[in-house]
Amino acid sequence: IVIGDAPRLRQILAGLIDNAIKFTGDGFINIQAGCFG
């Protein structure tokens, strides 16, 4: 549980995924999320 702007983080991630889907004809889209203390 973190403190921040959740809608803006969703907007960032959605923009990158939407861009990847738009410019990928076939194959894959891999999303990796890492956390470091």
PDB file of all heavy atoms in Angstrom:
ATOM      1  N   ILE A   1       0.858  -1.180   0.000  1.00  0.00           N
ATOM      2  CA  ILE A   1       0.000   0.000   0.000  1.00  0.00           C
ATOM      3  C   ILE A   1       0.896   1.231   0.000  1.00  0.00           C
ATOM      4  O   ILE A   1       1.710   1.419   0.915  1.00  0.00           O
ATOM      5  CB  ILE A   1      -0.934   0.016   1.226  1.00  0.00           C
ATOM      6  CG1 ILE A   1      -1.752  -1.270   1.279  1.00  0.00           C
ATOM      7  CG2 ILE A   1      -1.843   1.233   1.169  1.00  0.00           C
ATOM      8  CD1 ILE A   1      -2.656  -1.473   0.081  1.00  0.00           C
ATOM      9  N   VAL A   2       0.762   2.065  -1.023  1.00  0.00           N
ATOM     10  CA  VAL A   2       1.612   3.248  -1.154  1.00  0.00           C
ATOM     11  C   VAL A   2       0.728   4.489  -1.177  1.00  0.00           C
ATOM     12  O   VAL A   2      -0.509   4.410  -1.312  1.00  0.00           O
ATOM     13  CB  VAL A   2       2.474   3.188  -2.427  1.00  0.00           C
ATOM     14  CG1 VAL A   2       3.419   1.997  -2.379  1.00  0.00           C
ATOM     15  CG2 VAL A   2       1.604   3.134  -3.673  1.00  0.00           C
ATOM     16  N   ILE A   3       1.391   5.659  -1.052  1.00  0.00           N
ATOM     17  CA  ILE A   3       0.700   6.940  -1.096  1.00  0.00           C
ATOM     18  C   ILE A   3       1.106   7.648  -2.385  1.00  0.00           C
ATOM     19  O   ILE A   3       2.294   7.847  -2.649  1.00  0.00           O
ATOM     20  CB  ILE A   3       1.061   7.812   0.120  1.00  0.00           C
ATOM     21  CG1 ILE A   3       0.645   7.110   1.411  1.00  0.00           C
ATOM     22  CG2 ILE A   3       0.405   9.179   0.027  1.00  0.00           C
ATOM     23  CD1 ILE A   3       1.057   7.857   2.658  1.00  0.00           C
ATOM     24  N   GLY A   4       0.129   8.014  -3.200  1.00  0.00           N
ATOM     25  CA  GLY A   4       0.430   8.687  -4.450  1.00  0.00           C
ATOM     26  C   GLY A   4      -0.829   8.923  -5.252  1.00  0.00           C
ATOM     27  O   GLY A   4      -1.951   8.813  -4.759  1.00  0.00           O
ATOM     28  N   ASP A   5      -0.632   9.260  -6.542  1.00  0.00           N
ATOM     29  CA  ASP A   5      -1.751   9.545  -7.435  1.00  0.00           C
ATOM     30  C   ASP A   5      -2.017   8.306  -8.282  1.00  0.00           C
ATOM     31  O   ASP A   5      -1.378   8.077  -9.318  1.00  0.00           O
ATOM     32  CB  ASP A   5      -1.400  10.749  -8.321  1.00  0.00           C
ATOM     33  CG  ASP A   5      -2.623  11.320  -9.024  1.00  0.00           C
ATOM     34  OD1 ASP A   5      -3.551  10.547  -9.307  1.00  0.00           O
ATOM     35  OD2 ASP A   5      -2.634  12.537  -9.284  1.00  0.00           O
ATOM     36  N   ALA A   6      -2.979   7.496  -7.857  1.00  0.00           N
ATOM     37  CA  ALA A   6      -3.277   6.246  -8.547  1.00  0.00           C
ATOM     38  C   ALA A   6      -3.820   6.466  -9.955  1.00  0.00           C
ATOM     39  O   ALA A   6      -3.387   5.787 -10.898  1.00  0.00           O
ATOM     40  CB  ALA A   6      -4.257   5.418  -7.707  1.00  0.00           C
ATOM     41  N   PRO A   7      -4.739   7.412 -10.187  1.00  0.00           N
ATOM     42  CA  PRO A   7      -5.236   7.602 -11.566  1.00  0.00           C
ATOM     43  C   PRO A   7      -4.135   7.996 -12.548  1.00  0.00           C
ATOM     44  O   PRO A   7      -4.143   7.547 -13.701  1.00  0.00           O
ATOM     45  CB  PRO A   7      -6.280   8.718 -11.407  1.00  0.00           C
ATOM     46  CG  PRO A   7      -6.739   8.625  -9.993  1.00  0.00           C
ATOM     47  CD  PRO A   7      -5.514   8.218  -9.225  1.00  0.00           C
ATOM     48  N   ARG A   8      -3.181   8.825 -12.102  1.00  0.00           N
ATOM     49  CA  ARG A   8      -2.102   9.228 -13.009  1.00  0.00           C
ATOM     50  C   ARG A   8      -1.161   8.063 -13.302  1.00  0.00           C
ATOM     51  O   ARG A   8      -0.653   7.928 -14.410  1.00  0.00           O
ATOM     52  CB  ARG A   8      -1.329  10.408 -12.421  1.00  0.00           C
ATOM     53  CG  ARG A   8      -2.145  11.672 -12.258  1.00  0.00           C
ATOM     54  CD  ARG A   8      -2.755  12.116 -13.569  1.00  0.00           C
ATOM     55  NE  ARG A   8      -3.626  13.280 -13.389  1.00  0.00           N
ATOM     56  CZ  ARG A   8      -4.403  13.774 -14.341  1.00  0.00           C
ATOM     57  NH1 ARG A   8      -4.428  13.194 -15.536  1.00  0.00           N
ATOM     58  NH2 ARG A   8      -5.180  14.822 -14.106  1.00  0.00           N
ATOM     59  N   LEU A   9      -0.905   7.214 -12.306  1.00  0.00           N
ATOM     60  CA  LEU A   9      -0.081   6.026 -12.558  1.00  0.00           C
ATOM     61  C   LEU A   9      -0.781   5.102 -13.548  1.00  0.00           C
ATOM     62  O   LEU A   9      -0.149   4.555 -14.465  1.00  0.00           O
ATOM     63  CB  LEU A   9       0.208   5.297 -11.246  1.00  0.00           C
ATOM     64  CG  LEU A   9       0.974   3.984 -11.379  1.00  0.00           C
ATOM     65  CD1 LEU A   9       2.333   4.201 -12.049  1.00  0.00           C
ATOM     66  CD2 LEU A   9       1.157   3.326 -10.010  1.00  0.00           C
ATOM     67  N   ARG A  10      -2.106   4.929 -13.384  1.00  0.00           N
ATOM     68  CA  ARG A  10      -2.863   4.107 -14.337  1.00  0.00           C
ATOM     69  C   ARG A  10      -2.803   4.732 -15.727  1.00  0.00           C
ATOM     70  O   ARG A  10      -2.677   4.012 -16.738  1.00  0.00           O
ATOM     71  CB  ARG A  10      -4.307   3.976 -13.856  1.00  0.00           C
ATOM     72  CG  ARG A  10      -5.187   3.146 -14.797  1.00  0.00           C
ATOM     73  CD  ARG A  10      -6.630   3.197 -14.334  1.00  0.00           C
ATOM     74  NE  ARG A  10      -6.804   2.498 -13.081  1.00  0.00           N
ATOM     75  CZ  ARG A  10      -7.066   1.184 -12.972  1.00  0.00           C
ATOM     76  NH1 ARG A  10      -7.164   0.455 -14.076  1.00  0.00           N
ATOM     77  NH2 ARG A  10      -7.230   0.629 -11.811  1.00  0.00           N
ATOM     78  N   GLN A  11      -2.882   6.062 -15.802  1.00  0.00           N
ATOM     79  CA  GLN A  11      -2.820   6.747 -17.094  1.00  0.00           C
ATOM     80  C   GLN A  11      -1.467   6.530 -17.768  1.00  0.00           C
ATOM     81  O   GLN A  11      -1.391   6.345 -18.991  1.00  0.00           O
ATOM     82  CB  GLN A  11      -3.081   8.242 -16.886  1.00  0.00           C
ATOM     83  CG  GLN A  11      -3.232   9.039 -18.164  1.00  0.00           C
ATOM     84  CD  GLN A  11      -3.597  10.491 -17.882  1.00  0.00           C
ATOM     85  OE1 GLN A  11      -3.756  10.891 -16.739  1.00  0.00           O
ATOM     86  NE2 GLN A  11      -3.739  11.275 -18.935  1.00  0.00           N
ATOM     87  N   ILE A  12      -0.374   6.541 -16.991  1.00  0.00           N
ATOM     88  CA  ILE A  12       0.964   6.301 -17.551  1.00  0.00           C
ATOM     89  C   ILE A  12       1.065   4.892 -18.107  1.00  0.00           C
ATOM     90  O   ILE A  12       1.498   4.669 -19.252  1.00  0.00           O
ATOM     91  CB  ILE A  12       2.026   6.549 -16.468  1.00  0.00           C
ATOM     92  CG1 ILE A  12       2.086   8.034 -16.097  1.00  0.00           C
ATOM     93  CG2 ILE A  12       3.405   6.076 -16.938  1.00  0.00           C
ATOM     94  CD1 ILE A  12       2.947   8.320 -14.886  1.00  0.00           C
ATOM     95  N   LEU A  13       0.681   3.922 -17.285  1.00  0.00           N
ATOM     96  CA  LEU A  13       0.793   2.520 -17.710  1.00  0.00           C
ATOM     97  C   LEU A  13      -0.132   2.242 -18.886  1.00  0.00           C
ATOM     98  O   LEU A  13       0.251   1.543 -19.843  1.00  0.00           O
ATOM     99  CB  LEU A  13       0.470   1.605 -16.523  1.00  0.00           C
ATOM    100  CG  LEU A  13       0.676   0.108 -16.742  1.00  0.00           C
ATOM    101  CD1 LEU A  13       2.120  -0.185 -17.135  1.00  0.00           C
ATOM    102  CD2 LEU A  13       0.306  -0.675 -15.481  1.00  0.00           C
ATOM    103  N   ALA A  14      -1.361   2.795 -18.846  1.00  0.00           N
ATOM    104  CA  ALA A  14      -2.305   2.572 -19.944  1.00  0.00           C
ATOM    105  C   ALA A  14      -1.785   3.184 -21.236  1.00  0.00           C
ATOM    106  O   ALA A  14      -1.943   2.598 -22.322  1.00  0.00           O
ATOM    107  CB  ALA A  14      -3.662   3.165 -19.580  1.00  0.00           C
ATOM    108  N   GLY A  15      -1.156   4.367 -21.157  1.00  0.00           N
ATOM    109  CA  GLY A  15      -0.617   4.988 -22.356  1.00  0.00           C
ATOM    110  C   GLY A  15       0.477   4.153 -22.996  1.00  0.00           C
ATOM    111  O   GLY A  15       0.536   4.027 -24.223  1.00  0.00           O
ATOM    112  N   LEU A  16       1.341   3.546 -22.184  1.00  0.00           N
ATOM    113  CA  LEU A  16       2.419   2.709 -22.734  1.00  0.00           C
ATOM    114  C   LEU A  16       1.874   1.409 -23.312  1.00  0.00           C
ATOM    115  O   LEU A  16       2.331   0.942 -24.374  1.00  0.00           O
ATOM    116  CB  LEU A  16       3.455   2.425 -21.639  1.00  0.00           C
ATOM    117  CG  LEU A  16       4.252   3.633 -21.133  1.00  0.00           C
ATOM    118  CD1 LEU A  16       5.215   3.218 -20.033  1.00  0.00           C
ATOM    119  CD2 LEU A  16       5.026   4.287 -22.268  1.00  0.00           C
ATOM    120  N   ILE A  17       0.883   0.797 -22.619  1.00  0.00           N
ATOM    121  CA  ILE A  17       0.311  -0.453 -23.143  1.00  0.00           C
ATOM    122  C   ILE A  17      -0.443  -0.178 -24.437  1.00  0.00           C
ATOM    123  O   ILE A  17      -0.334  -0.933 -25.419  1.00  0.00           O
ATOM    124  CB  ILE A  17      -0.615  -1.090 -22.089  1.00  0.00           C
ATOM    125  CG1 ILE A  17       0.193  -1.483 -20.850  1.00  0.00           C
ATOM    126  CG2 ILE A  17      -1.305  -2.317 -22.663  1.00  0.00           C
ATOM    127  CD1 ILE A  17      -0.661  -2.019 -19.715  1.00  0.00           C
ATOM    128  N   ASP A  18      -1.220   0.901 -24.461  1.00  0.00           N
ATOM    129  CA  ASP A  18      -1.969   1.249 -25.668  1.00  0.00           C
ATOM    130  C   ASP A  18      -1.023   1.530 -26.827  1.00  0.00           C
ATOM    131  O   ASP A  18      -1.279   1.121 -27.963  1.00  0.00           O
ATOM    132  CB  ASP A  18      -2.834   2.474 -25.373  1.00  0.00           C
ATOM    133  CG  ASP A  18      -3.663   2.879 -26.579  1.00  0.00           C
ATOM    134  OD1 ASP A  18      -4.617   2.168 -26.910  1.00  0.00           O
ATOM    135  OD2 ASP A  18      -3.333   3.926 -27.190  1.00  0.00           O
ATOM    136  N   ASN A  19       0.087   2.204 -26.558  1.00  0.00           N
ATOM    137  CA  ASN A  19       1.075   2.474 -27.606  1.00  0.00           C
ATOM    138  C   ASN A  19       1.700   1.182 -28.113  1.00  0.00           C
ATOM    139  O   ASN A  19       1.923   1.020 -29.323  1.00  0.00           O
ATOM    140  CB  ASN A  19       2.154   3.407 -27.053  1.00  0.00           C
ATOM    141  CG  ASN A  19       3.197   3.772 -28.097  1.00  0.00           C
ATOM    142  OD1 ASN A  19       2.969   4.595 -28.958  1.00  0.00           O
ATOM    143  ND2 ASN A  19       4.370   3.137 -27.994  1.00  0.00           N
ATOM    144  N   ALA A  20       1.994   0.246 -27.193  1.00  0.00           N
ATOM    145  CA  ALA A  20       2.590  -1.034 -27.603  1.00  0.00           C
ATOM    146  C   ALA A  20       1.617  -1.847 -28.449  1.00  0.00           C
ATOM    147  O   ALA A  20       2.002  -2.459 -29.464  1.00  0.00           O
ATOM    148  CB  ALA A  20       3.017  -1.816 -26.357  1.00  0.00           C
ATOM    149  N   ILE A  21       0.321  -1.880 -28.054  1.00  0.00           N
ATOM    150  CA  ILE A  21      -0.669  -2.636 -28.833  1.00  0.00           C
ATOM    151  C   ILE A  21      -0.834  -2.028 -30.219  1.00  0.00           C
ATOM    152  O   ILE A  21      -0.934  -2.731 -31.232  1.00  0.00           O
ATOM    153  CB  ILE A  21      -2.015  -2.661 -28.079  1.00  0.00           C
ATOM    154  CG1 ILE A  21      -1.880  -3.484 -26.791  1.00  0.00           C
ATOM    155  CG2 ILE A  21      -3.123  -3.224 -28.960  1.00  0.00           C
ATOM    156  CD1 ILE A  21      -3.118  -3.466 -25.933  1.00  0.00           C
ATOM    157  N   LYS A  22      -0.827  -0.693 -30.286  1.00  0.00           N
ATOM    158  CA  LYS A  22      -1.056   0.006 -31.552  1.00  0.00           C
ATOM    159  C   LYS A  22       0.060  -0.253 -32.551  1.00  0.00           C
ATOM    160  O   LYS A  22      -0.180  -0.367 -33.758  1.00  0.00           O
ATOM    161  CB  LYS A  22      -1.188   1.500 -31.275  1.00  0.00           C
ATOM    162  CG  LYS A  22      -1.568   2.336 -32.491  1.00  0.00           C
ATOM    163  CD  LYS A  22      -1.634   3.801 -32.117  1.00  0.00           C
ATOM    164  CE  LYS A  22      -2.658   4.034 -31.021  1.00  0.00           C
ATOM    165  NZ  LYS A  22      -2.772   5.474 -30.683  1.00  0.00           N
ATOM    166  N   PHE A  23       1.309  -0.379 -32.079  1.00  0.00           N
ATOM    167  CA  PHE A  23       2.451  -0.502 -32.991  1.00  0.00           C
ATOM    168  C   PHE A  23       3.026  -1.910 -33.033  1.00  0.00           C
ATOM    169  O   PHE A  23       4.161  -2.095 -33.453  1.00  0.00           O
ATOM    170  CB  PHE A  23       3.548   0.491 -32.580  1.00  0.00           C
ATOM    171  CG  PHE A  23       3.182   1.925 -32.831  1.00  0.00           C
ATOM    172  CD1 PHE A  23       2.637   2.693 -31.815  1.00  0.00           C
ATOM    173  CD2 PHE A  23       3.344   2.483 -34.083  1.00  0.00           C
ATOM    174  CE1 PHE A  23       2.284   4.005 -32.041  1.00  0.00           C
ATOM    175  CE2 PHE A  23       3.000   3.803 -34.307  1.00  0.00           C
ATOM    176  CZ  PHE A  23       2.454   4.572 -33.290  1.00  0.00           C
ATOM    177  N   THR A  24       2.250  -2.911 -32.583  1.00  0.00           N
ATOM    178  CA  THR A  24       2.716  -4.298 -32.652  1.00  0.00           C
ATOM    179  C   THR A  24       1.732  -5.095 -33.495  1.00  0.00           C
ATOM    180  O   THR A  24       0.550  -5.247 -33.113  1.00  0.00           O
ATOM    181  CB  THR A  24       2.828  -4.926 -31.251  1.00  0.00           C
ATOM    182  OG1 THR A  24       3.691  -4.109 -30.464  1.00  0.00           O
ATOM    183  CG2 THR A  24       3.401  -6.326 -31.332  1.00  0.00           C
ATOM    184  N   GLY A  25       2.183  -5.589 -34.632  1.00  0.00           N
ATOM    185  CA  GLY A  25       1.301  -6.345 -35.519  1.00  0.00           C
ATOM    186  C   GLY A  25       1.004  -7.726 -34.984  1.00  0.00           C
ATOM    187  O   GLY A  25      -0.150  -8.170 -34.945  1.00  0.00           O
ATOM    188  N   ASP A  26       2.032  -8.439 -34.563  1.00  0.00           N
ATOM    189  CA  ASP A  26       1.848  -9.758 -33.959  1.00  0.00           C
ATOM    190  C   ASP A  26       3.007 -10.017 -33.015  1.00  0.00           C
ATOM    191  O   ASP A  26       4.009  -9.306 -33.020  1.00  0.00           O
ATOM    192  CB  ASP A  26       1.775 -10.850 -35.035  1.00  0.00           C
ATOM    193  CG  ASP A  26       3.008 -10.834 -35.947  1.00  0.00           C
ATOM    194  OD1 ASP A  26       3.958 -10.057 -35.652  1.00  0.00           O
ATOM    195  OD2 ASP A  26       3.027 -11.564 -36.943  1.00  0.00           O
ATOM    196  N   GLY A  27       2.826 -11.020 -32.181  1.00  0.00           N
ATOM    197  CA  GLY A  27       3.887 -11.342 -31.236  1.00  0.00           C
ATOM    198  C   GLY A  27       3.415 -11.187 -29.808  1.00  0.00           C
ATOM    199  O   GLY A  27       2.382 -11.749 -29.417  1.00  0.00           O
ATOM    200  N   PHE A  28       4.108 -10.401 -29.025  1.00  0.00           N
ATOM    201  CA  PHE A  28       3.822 -10.338 -27.585  1.00  0.00           C
ATOM    202  C   PHE A  28       4.026  -8.919 -27.053  1.00  0.00           C
ATOM    203  O   PHE A  28       4.670  -8.080 -27.692  1.00  0.00           O
ATOM    204  CB  PHE A  28       4.746 -11.284 -26.830  1.00  0.00           C
ATOM    205  CG  PHE A  28       6.208 -10.924 -26.962  1.00  0.00           C
ATOM    206  CD1 PHE A  28       6.810 -10.015 -26.085  1.00  0.00           C
ATOM    207  CD2 PHE A  28       6.991 -11.466 -27.980  1.00  0.00           C
ATOM    208  CE1 PHE A  28       8.133  -9.682 -26.207  1.00  0.00           C
ATOM    209  CE2 PHE A  28       8.323 -11.129 -28.107  1.00  0.00           C
ATOM    210  CZ  PHE A  28       8.904 -10.223 -27.219  1.00  0.00           C
ATOM    211  N   ILE A  29       3.469  -8.704 -25.878  1.00  0.00           N
ATOM    212  CA  ILE A  29       3.703  -7.496 -25.080  1.00  0.00           C
ATOM    213  C   ILE A  29       3.933  -7.959 -23.649  1.00  0.00           C
ATOM    214  O   ILE A  29       3.034  -8.559 -23.042  1.00  0.00           O
ATOM    215  CB  ILE A  29       2.521  -6.517 -25.145  1.00  0.00           C
ATOM    216  CG1 ILE A  29       2.319  -6.016 -26.582  1.00  0.00           C
ATOM    217  CG2 ILE A  29       2.758  -5.333 -24.205  1.00  0.00           C
ATOM    218  CD1 ILE A  29       1.079  -5.154 -26.739  1.00  0.00           C
ATOM    219  N   ASN A  30       5.124  -7.722 -23.136  1.00  0.00           N
ATOM    220  CA  ASN A  30       5.490  -8.151 -21.784  1.00  0.00           C
ATOM    221  C   ASN A  30       5.576  -6.931 -20.869  1.00  0.00           C
ATOM    222  O   ASN A  30       6.243  -5.943 -21.191  1.00  0.00           O
ATOM    223  CB  ASN A  30       6.839  -8.871 -21.781  1.00  0.00           C
ATOM    224  CG  ASN A  30       6.769 -10.195 -22.534  1.00  0.00           C
ATOM    225  OD1 ASN A  30       5.709 -10.829 -22.588  1.00  0.00           O
ATOM    226  ND2 ASN A  30       7.886 -10.606 -23.128  1.00  0.00           N
ATOM    227  N   ILE A  31       4.912  -7.030 -19.737  1.00  0.00           N
ATOM    228  CA  ILE A  31       4.942  -5.972 -18.726  1.00  0.00           C
ATOM    229  C   ILE A  31       5.629  -6.526 -17.487  1.00  0.00           C
ATOM    230  O   ILE A  31       5.208  -7.571 -16.952  1.00  0.00           O
ATOM    231  CB  ILE A  31       3.522  -5.493 -18.378  1.00  0.00           C
ATOM    232  CG1 ILE A  31       2.814  -4.986 -19.640  1.00  0.00           C
ATOM    233  CG2 ILE A  31       3.575  -4.393 -17.317  1.00  0.00           C
ATOM    234  CD1 ILE A  31       1.355  -4.660 -19.421  1.00  0.00           C
ATOM    235  N   GLN A  32       6.678  -5.875 -17.052  1.00  0.00           N
ATOM    236  CA  GLN A  32       7.430  -6.290 -15.865  1.00  0.00           C
ATOM    237  C   GLN A  32       7.417  -5.148 -14.853  1.00  0.00           C
ATOM    238  O   GLN A  32       7.753  -4.007 -15.191  1.00  0.00           O
ATOM    239  CB  GLN A  32       8.872  -6.659 -16.227  1.00  0.00           C
ATOM    240  CG  GLN A  32       8.972  -7.879 -17.142  1.00  0.00           C
ATOM    241  CD  GLN A  32      10.414  -8.189 -17.517  1.00  0.00           C
ATOM    242  OE1 GLN A  32      11.200  -7.280 -17.746  1.00  0.00           O
ATOM    243  NE2 GLN A  32      10.746  -9.465 -17.583  1.00  0.00           N
ATOM    244  N   ALA A  33       7.036  -5.474 -13.624  1.00  0.00           N
ATOM    245  CA  ALA A  33       6.951  -4.475 -12.552  1.00  0.00           C
ATOM    246  C   ALA A  33       7.844  -4.914 -11.399  1.00  0.00           C
ATOM    247  O   ALA A  33       7.620  -5.981 -10.806  1.00  0.00           O
ATOM    248  CB  ALA A  33       5.506  -4.299 -12.083  1.00  0.00           C
ATOM    249  N   GLY A  34       8.856  -4.111 -11.099  1.00  0.00           N
ATOM    250  CA  GLY A  34       9.788  -4.418 -10.011  1.00  0.00           C
ATOM    251  C   GLY A  34       9.658  -3.419  -8.878  1.00  0.00           C
ATOM    252  O   GLY A  34       9.289  -2.259  -9.078  1.00  0.00           O
ATOM    253  N   CYS A  35       9.965  -3.869  -7.692  1.00  0.00           N
ATOM    254  CA  CYS A  35       9.893  -3.018  -6.506  1.00  0.00           C
ATOM    255  C   CYS A  35      11.215  -3.115  -5.754  1.00  0.00           C
ATOM    256  O   CYS A  35      11.712  -4.229  -5.499  1.00  0.00           O
ATOM    257  CB  CYS A  35       8.731  -3.453  -5.611  1.00  0.00           C
ATOM    258  SG  CYS A  35       8.546  -2.454  -4.119  1.00  0.00           S
ATOM    259  N   PHE A  36      11.777  -1.971  -5.401  1.00  0.00           N
ATOM    260  CA  PHE A  36      13.055  -1.932  -4.686  1.00  0.00           C
ATOM    261  C   PHE A  36      12.918  -0.971  -3.510  1.00  0.00           C
ATOM    262  O   PHE A  36      12.389   0.128  -3.646  1.00  0.00           O
ATOM    263  CB  PHE A  36      14.185  -1.478  -5.617  1.00  0.00           C
ATOM    264  CG  PHE A  36      14.356  -2.361  -6.818  1.00  0.00           C
ATOM    265  CD1 PHE A  36      13.741  -2.038  -8.020  1.00  0.00           C
ATOM    266  CD2 PHE A  36      15.093  -3.532  -6.731  1.00  0.00           C
ATOM    267  CE1 PHE A  36      13.887  -2.845  -9.118  1.00  0.00           C
ATOM    268  CE2 PHE A  36      15.246  -4.351  -7.833  1.00  0.00           C
ATOM    269  CZ  PHE A  36      14.642  -4.016  -9.036  1.00  0.00           C
ATOM    270  N   GLY A  37      13.387  -1.419  -2.360  1.00  0.00           N
ATOM    271  CA  GLY A  37      13.247  -0.623  -1.157  1.00  0.00           C
ATOM    272  C   GLY A  37      14.347   0.414  -0.997  1.00  0.00           C
ATOM    273  O   GLY A  37      15.499   0.198  -1.364  1.00  0.00           O
TER     274      GLY A  37
END
